[in-house]
N, C-alpha and C. Protein backbone atom coordinates (compact mmCIF):
# COMPACT_ATOMS: atom_id res chain seq x y z
N MET A 1 124.31 201.39 102.93
CA MET A 1 123.18 201.45 103.83
C MET A 1 121.97 200.79 103.23
N LYS A 2 121.85 200.85 101.90
CA LYS A 2 120.69 200.25 101.29
C LYS A 2 120.73 198.66 101.49
N ARG A 3 121.96 198.12 101.39
CA ARG A 3 122.07 196.61 101.61
C ARG A 3 121.65 196.27 102.98
N LEU A 4 122.06 196.99 103.98
CA LEU A 4 121.70 196.73 105.36
C LEU A 4 120.17 196.79 105.57
N ASN A 5 119.52 197.80 104.99
CA ASN A 5 118.11 197.87 105.09
C ASN A 5 117.48 196.66 104.45
N THR A 6 117.99 196.19 103.33
CA THR A 6 117.47 194.94 102.68
C THR A 6 117.63 193.71 103.58
N LEU A 7 118.79 193.63 104.25
CA LEU A 7 118.98 192.47 105.15
C LEU A 7 118.10 192.48 106.29
N LEU A 8 117.79 193.73 106.79
CA LEU A 8 116.93 193.80 108.04
C LEU A 8 115.48 193.64 107.70
N ALA A 9 115.04 193.79 106.48
CA ALA A 9 113.59 193.60 106.11
C ALA A 9 113.38 192.07 105.91
N CYS A 10 112.67 191.50 106.85
CA CYS A 10 112.43 190.09 106.85
C CYS A 10 110.91 189.85 107.06
N ARG A 11 110.50 188.70 106.73
CA ARG A 11 109.11 188.33 106.82
C ARG A 11 109.00 187.08 107.70
N VAL A 12 107.93 186.95 108.46
CA VAL A 12 107.72 185.78 109.21
C VAL A 12 106.64 184.94 108.42
N VAL A 13 106.94 183.66 108.22
CA VAL A 13 106.13 182.72 107.52
C VAL A 13 105.68 181.62 108.41
N ASP A 14 104.36 181.42 108.55
CA ASP A 14 103.87 180.26 109.38
C ASP A 14 103.82 179.09 108.43
N ALA A 15 104.75 178.18 108.61
CA ALA A 15 104.77 176.95 107.76
C ALA A 15 103.77 175.84 108.25
N GLY A 16 103.16 176.07 109.44
CA GLY A 16 102.20 175.14 109.86
C GLY A 16 102.86 173.97 110.55
N PHE A 17 104.09 174.08 111.04
CA PHE A 17 104.74 173.02 111.71
C PHE A 17 104.14 172.90 113.06
N LYS A 18 104.14 171.55 113.54
CA LYS A 18 103.61 171.31 114.86
C LYS A 18 104.58 170.42 115.62
N ASP A 19 104.43 170.35 116.93
CA ASP A 19 105.27 169.42 117.72
C ASP A 19 105.08 167.98 117.30
N THR A 20 106.19 167.24 117.38
CA THR A 20 106.18 165.85 117.08
C THR A 20 106.69 164.99 118.22
N TYR A 21 106.43 163.76 118.09
CA TYR A 21 107.00 162.78 119.06
C TYR A 21 107.52 161.61 118.34
N HIS A 22 108.44 160.81 119.05
CA HIS A 22 109.14 159.70 118.45
C HIS A 22 109.06 158.51 119.48
N PHE A 23 108.95 157.38 118.95
CA PHE A 23 108.91 156.13 119.71
C PHE A 23 109.68 155.13 118.96
N GLY A 24 110.55 154.44 119.68
CA GLY A 24 111.37 153.40 119.06
C GLY A 24 111.67 152.23 120.06
N ILE A 25 111.95 151.08 119.43
CA ILE A 25 112.31 149.94 120.24
C ILE A 25 113.20 149.05 119.42
N GLY A 26 114.19 148.44 120.05
CA GLY A 26 115.14 147.63 119.32
C GLY A 26 115.55 146.39 120.17
N ALA A 27 116.12 145.43 119.50
CA ALA A 27 116.56 144.23 120.21
C ALA A 27 117.81 143.75 119.51
N GLU A 28 118.63 143.09 120.39
CA GLU A 28 119.90 142.43 119.91
C GLU A 28 119.89 141.02 120.48
N TYR A 29 120.17 140.09 119.65
CA TYR A 29 120.30 138.69 119.99
C TYR A 29 121.75 138.16 119.68
N GLN A 30 122.38 137.63 120.70
CA GLN A 30 123.77 137.11 120.48
C GLN A 30 123.72 135.68 120.00
N TYR A 31 123.73 135.51 118.69
CA TYR A 31 123.56 134.19 118.08
C TYR A 31 124.59 133.22 118.46
N ASN A 32 125.87 133.67 118.40
CA ASN A 32 126.99 132.94 118.99
C ASN A 32 128.12 134.01 119.34
N PRO A 33 129.25 133.60 119.85
CA PRO A 33 130.21 134.58 120.30
C PRO A 33 130.66 135.66 119.21
N GLU A 34 130.55 135.30 117.97
CA GLU A 34 130.97 136.20 116.89
C GLU A 34 129.85 136.97 116.18
N VAL A 35 128.62 136.45 116.30
CA VAL A 35 127.54 136.93 115.49
C VAL A 35 126.42 137.50 116.43
N MET A 36 125.97 138.74 116.17
CA MET A 36 124.91 139.35 116.82
C MET A 36 123.92 139.77 115.78
N LEU A 37 122.52 139.44 116.04
CA LEU A 37 121.49 139.83 115.17
C LEU A 37 120.78 141.03 115.83
N THR A 38 120.28 142.01 114.97
CA THR A 38 119.62 143.17 115.45
C THR A 38 118.29 143.45 114.77
N ALA A 39 117.38 144.00 115.50
CA ALA A 39 116.07 144.33 114.87
C ALA A 39 115.55 145.54 115.58
N GLY A 40 114.77 146.33 114.80
CA GLY A 40 114.10 147.55 115.48
C GLY A 40 112.93 148.09 114.70
N PHE A 41 112.22 148.92 115.42
CA PHE A 41 111.00 149.58 114.85
C PHE A 41 110.96 150.94 115.48
N SER A 42 110.57 151.92 114.74
CA SER A 42 110.37 153.24 115.29
C SER A 42 109.27 154.01 114.56
N TYR A 43 108.69 155.06 115.26
CA TYR A 43 107.61 155.86 114.72
C TYR A 43 107.82 157.28 115.04
N ASP A 44 107.64 158.19 114.01
CA ASP A 44 107.71 159.64 114.27
C ASP A 44 106.42 160.17 113.77
N SER A 45 105.83 161.04 114.64
CA SER A 45 104.52 161.72 114.16
C SER A 45 104.84 162.80 113.12
N SER A 46 103.83 163.12 112.41
CA SER A 46 104.01 164.14 111.33
C SER A 46 104.20 165.55 111.86
N MET A 47 105.09 166.26 111.17
CA MET A 47 105.31 167.61 111.72
C MET A 47 104.33 168.67 111.10
N MET A 48 103.36 168.21 110.22
CA MET A 48 102.47 168.96 109.62
C MET A 48 101.11 168.24 109.12
N ASP A 49 100.12 168.91 109.10
CA ASP A 49 98.86 168.26 108.52
C ASP A 49 98.83 168.36 106.95
N SER A 50 98.00 167.57 106.33
CA SER A 50 97.98 167.53 104.90
C SER A 50 97.45 168.84 104.39
N GLU A 51 96.75 169.64 105.17
CA GLU A 51 96.16 170.93 104.73
C GLU A 51 97.32 171.94 104.57
N THR A 52 98.39 171.77 105.33
CA THR A 52 99.52 172.75 105.36
C THR A 52 100.81 172.22 104.74
N ARG A 53 100.80 170.92 104.32
CA ARG A 53 101.92 170.22 103.74
C ARG A 53 102.36 170.86 102.39
N PRO A 54 103.55 171.56 102.29
CA PRO A 54 103.90 172.06 100.88
C PRO A 54 104.27 170.91 100.04
N ILE A 55 104.21 171.16 98.73
CA ILE A 55 104.44 170.10 97.73
C ILE A 55 105.96 169.76 97.69
N ASN A 56 106.77 170.66 98.10
CA ASN A 56 108.26 170.27 98.07
C ASN A 56 108.78 169.79 99.35
N LEU A 57 107.90 169.40 100.34
CA LEU A 57 108.29 168.91 101.62
C LEU A 57 107.38 167.75 102.07
N PRO A 58 107.39 166.63 101.27
CA PRO A 58 106.49 165.59 101.50
C PRO A 58 106.85 164.74 102.77
N LEU A 59 106.50 165.20 103.93
CA LEU A 59 106.73 164.48 105.22
C LEU A 59 105.40 164.34 105.96
N GLY A 60 105.25 163.02 106.45
CA GLY A 60 104.06 162.66 107.15
C GLY A 60 104.55 161.86 108.39
N ASP A 61 103.59 160.94 108.82
CA ASP A 61 104.02 159.98 109.91
C ASP A 61 105.04 159.13 109.29
N MET A 62 106.13 158.81 109.98
CA MET A 62 107.21 158.06 109.50
C MET A 62 107.39 156.82 110.34
N TRP A 63 107.30 155.60 109.64
CA TRP A 63 107.45 154.29 110.25
C TRP A 63 108.75 153.68 109.72
N ARG A 64 109.56 153.20 110.63
CA ARG A 64 110.86 152.62 110.21
C ARG A 64 110.92 151.18 110.76
N TYR A 65 111.43 150.26 109.95
CA TYR A 65 111.61 148.89 110.32
C TYR A 65 113.00 148.49 109.95
N GLY A 66 113.73 147.75 110.80
CA GLY A 66 115.17 147.48 110.41
C GLY A 66 115.57 146.06 110.99
N LEU A 67 116.43 145.54 110.14
CA LEU A 67 117.07 144.23 110.51
C LEU A 67 118.64 144.42 110.26
N GLY A 68 119.45 143.71 111.11
CA GLY A 68 120.84 143.89 110.87
C GLY A 68 121.68 142.83 111.56
N PHE A 69 122.99 142.89 111.38
CA PHE A 69 123.87 141.91 112.04
C PHE A 69 125.20 142.57 112.29
N LYS A 70 125.94 142.03 113.30
CA LYS A 70 127.25 142.43 113.61
C LYS A 70 128.15 141.18 113.61
N TYR A 71 129.32 141.08 113.03
CA TYR A 71 130.15 139.91 112.98
C TYR A 71 131.51 140.39 113.53
N ARG A 72 131.88 139.80 114.63
CA ARG A 72 133.20 140.15 115.31
C ARG A 72 134.24 139.19 114.72
N LYS A 73 134.99 139.73 113.77
CA LYS A 73 136.05 138.91 113.03
C LYS A 73 137.26 138.69 113.96
N SER A 74 137.58 139.67 114.79
CA SER A 74 138.69 139.56 115.67
C SER A 74 138.47 140.61 116.77
N ASP A 75 139.43 140.72 117.78
CA ASP A 75 139.38 141.69 118.76
C ASP A 75 139.40 143.10 118.15
N ASP A 76 139.99 143.22 117.02
CA ASP A 76 140.19 144.54 116.50
C ASP A 76 139.22 144.95 115.27
N VAL A 77 138.57 143.92 114.74
CA VAL A 77 137.71 144.20 113.52
C VAL A 77 136.27 143.61 113.70
N THR A 78 135.34 144.51 113.64
CA THR A 78 133.88 144.12 113.58
C THR A 78 133.27 144.58 112.23
N MET A 79 132.53 143.70 111.60
CA MET A 79 131.86 143.97 110.39
C MET A 79 130.34 143.90 110.62
N GLY A 80 129.55 144.67 109.84
CA GLY A 80 128.07 144.50 110.07
C GLY A 80 127.33 145.13 108.89
N GLY A 81 126.08 145.05 109.00
CA GLY A 81 125.17 145.61 107.92
C GLY A 81 123.75 145.64 108.47
N GLY A 82 122.98 146.15 107.55
CA GLY A 82 121.56 146.24 107.88
C GLY A 82 120.66 146.57 106.74
N LEU A 83 119.42 146.30 106.89
CA LEU A 83 118.39 146.64 105.86
C LEU A 83 117.27 147.37 106.68
N SER A 84 117.00 148.61 106.19
CA SER A 84 115.93 149.44 106.90
C SER A 84 114.90 149.79 105.79
N TYR A 85 113.68 149.80 106.24
CA TYR A 85 112.58 150.21 105.41
C TYR A 85 111.90 151.40 106.05
N PHE A 86 111.75 152.45 105.39
CA PHE A 86 111.15 153.71 105.84
C PHE A 86 109.80 153.92 105.09
N TRP A 87 108.67 154.02 105.76
CA TRP A 87 107.46 154.15 104.96
C TRP A 87 106.62 155.31 105.53
N GLU A 88 106.02 156.10 104.66
CA GLU A 88 105.14 157.29 105.03
C GLU A 88 103.78 157.12 104.50
N GLY A 89 103.52 156.22 103.53
CA GLY A 89 102.26 156.06 103.01
C GLY A 89 101.89 157.08 101.93
N ASP A 90 100.59 157.44 101.74
CA ASP A 90 100.17 158.29 100.79
C ASP A 90 100.06 159.74 101.42
N LEU A 91 100.66 160.81 100.86
CA LEU A 91 100.75 162.06 101.43
C LEU A 91 100.02 163.11 100.51
N LYS A 92 98.98 163.72 101.01
CA LYS A 92 98.33 164.81 100.29
C LYS A 92 99.07 166.08 100.51
N THR A 93 99.11 166.99 99.55
CA THR A 93 99.80 168.23 99.60
C THR A 93 98.84 169.45 99.57
N LYS A 94 99.24 170.57 100.12
CA LYS A 94 98.50 171.80 99.97
C LYS A 94 98.62 172.32 98.54
N PRO A 95 97.53 172.77 97.96
CA PRO A 95 97.74 173.44 96.64
C PRO A 95 98.64 174.70 96.67
N ALA A 96 99.44 174.80 95.65
CA ALA A 96 100.40 175.94 95.57
C ALA A 96 100.22 176.62 94.27
N GLY A 97 100.70 177.84 94.21
CA GLY A 97 100.71 178.63 92.91
C GLY A 97 99.75 179.79 93.07
N ASN A 98 99.51 180.40 91.84
CA ASN A 98 98.56 181.45 91.70
C ASN A 98 97.83 181.38 90.39
N ALA A 99 96.83 182.25 90.22
CA ALA A 99 95.94 182.23 89.05
C ALA A 99 96.80 182.58 87.81
N GLY A 100 97.73 183.44 87.82
CA GLY A 100 98.49 183.91 86.73
C GLY A 100 99.37 182.86 86.20
N GLN A 101 100.08 182.03 87.04
CA GLN A 101 101.00 181.08 86.62
C GLN A 101 100.49 179.64 86.76
N GLY A 102 99.39 179.44 87.33
CA GLY A 102 98.76 178.10 87.51
C GLY A 102 98.92 177.58 88.84
N PHE A 103 98.21 176.49 89.12
CA PHE A 103 98.20 175.88 90.43
C PHE A 103 98.75 174.48 90.31
N VAL A 104 99.40 174.04 91.42
CA VAL A 104 99.90 172.66 91.57
C VAL A 104 99.20 172.05 92.78
N SER A 105 98.64 170.88 92.55
CA SER A 105 97.99 170.24 93.74
C SER A 105 98.15 168.64 93.45
N GLY A 106 98.01 167.91 94.48
CA GLY A 106 98.17 166.43 94.27
C GLY A 106 98.52 165.72 95.50
N LYS A 107 99.01 164.53 95.36
CA LYS A 107 99.59 163.71 96.44
C LYS A 107 100.68 162.84 96.00
N TYR A 108 101.49 162.36 96.95
CA TYR A 108 102.53 161.42 96.69
C TYR A 108 101.94 160.05 97.17
N ASP A 109 102.06 159.15 96.24
CA ASP A 109 101.60 157.76 96.51
C ASP A 109 102.60 156.84 97.13
N ASN A 110 102.33 156.19 98.22
CA ASN A 110 103.15 155.15 98.85
C ASN A 110 104.59 155.61 98.91
N VAL A 111 104.82 156.70 99.67
CA VAL A 111 106.14 157.17 99.90
C VAL A 111 106.98 156.23 100.75
N SER A 112 108.07 155.73 100.15
CA SER A 112 108.91 154.81 100.99
C SER A 112 110.41 154.84 100.51
N ILE A 113 111.25 154.45 101.39
CA ILE A 113 112.73 154.46 101.04
C ILE A 113 113.32 153.20 101.64
N THR A 114 114.14 152.40 100.94
CA THR A 114 114.81 151.31 101.50
C THR A 114 116.32 151.56 101.61
N PHE A 115 116.97 151.33 102.76
CA PHE A 115 118.30 151.55 102.96
C PHE A 115 119.01 150.21 103.14
N LEU A 116 120.22 150.05 102.50
CA LEU A 116 121.00 148.90 102.68
C LEU A 116 122.39 149.39 103.06
N SER A 117 122.92 148.95 104.16
CA SER A 117 124.15 149.51 104.66
C SER A 117 125.11 148.42 105.12
N PHE A 118 126.42 148.64 104.91
CA PHE A 118 127.46 147.75 105.39
C PHE A 118 128.57 148.59 106.04
N TYR A 119 129.26 148.02 107.01
CA TYR A 119 130.35 148.78 107.65
C TYR A 119 131.39 147.86 108.18
N ILE A 120 132.65 148.44 108.31
CA ILE A 120 133.69 147.71 108.97
C ILE A 120 134.30 148.65 110.06
N GLN A 121 134.38 148.19 111.19
CA GLN A 121 134.91 148.96 112.39
C GLN A 121 136.22 148.37 112.79
N TRP A 122 137.21 149.18 112.78
CA TRP A 122 138.68 148.78 113.12
C TRP A 122 139.07 149.56 114.35
N ARG A 123 139.40 148.83 115.43
CA ARG A 123 139.84 149.53 116.64
C ARG A 123 141.32 149.57 116.82
């Protein structure tokens, strides 16, 4: 019974999340019958303000840029790849901690990730 009471005791935490929106656009260009070139851009609004952003969840406005290709080797095999760049900029964080253990505050500088991908599709 004690374990059940422990499981039922819960807390509600307001993490400061807010509604977001997404916008994206892409294009494909058929270079020749075997090769297609692709490009795209997208934007996601931040799910939190810098005043409520925890230090362990550095998420802000997200900008994505991508380039890629598809190569049709045969009717059964398609190969492709892409390069994507994901950028969030500088992200301030909400101070965390307490007086007894100390405080942590700061920001993440120039947050970005680069993705390189390749694939083979066999039908």
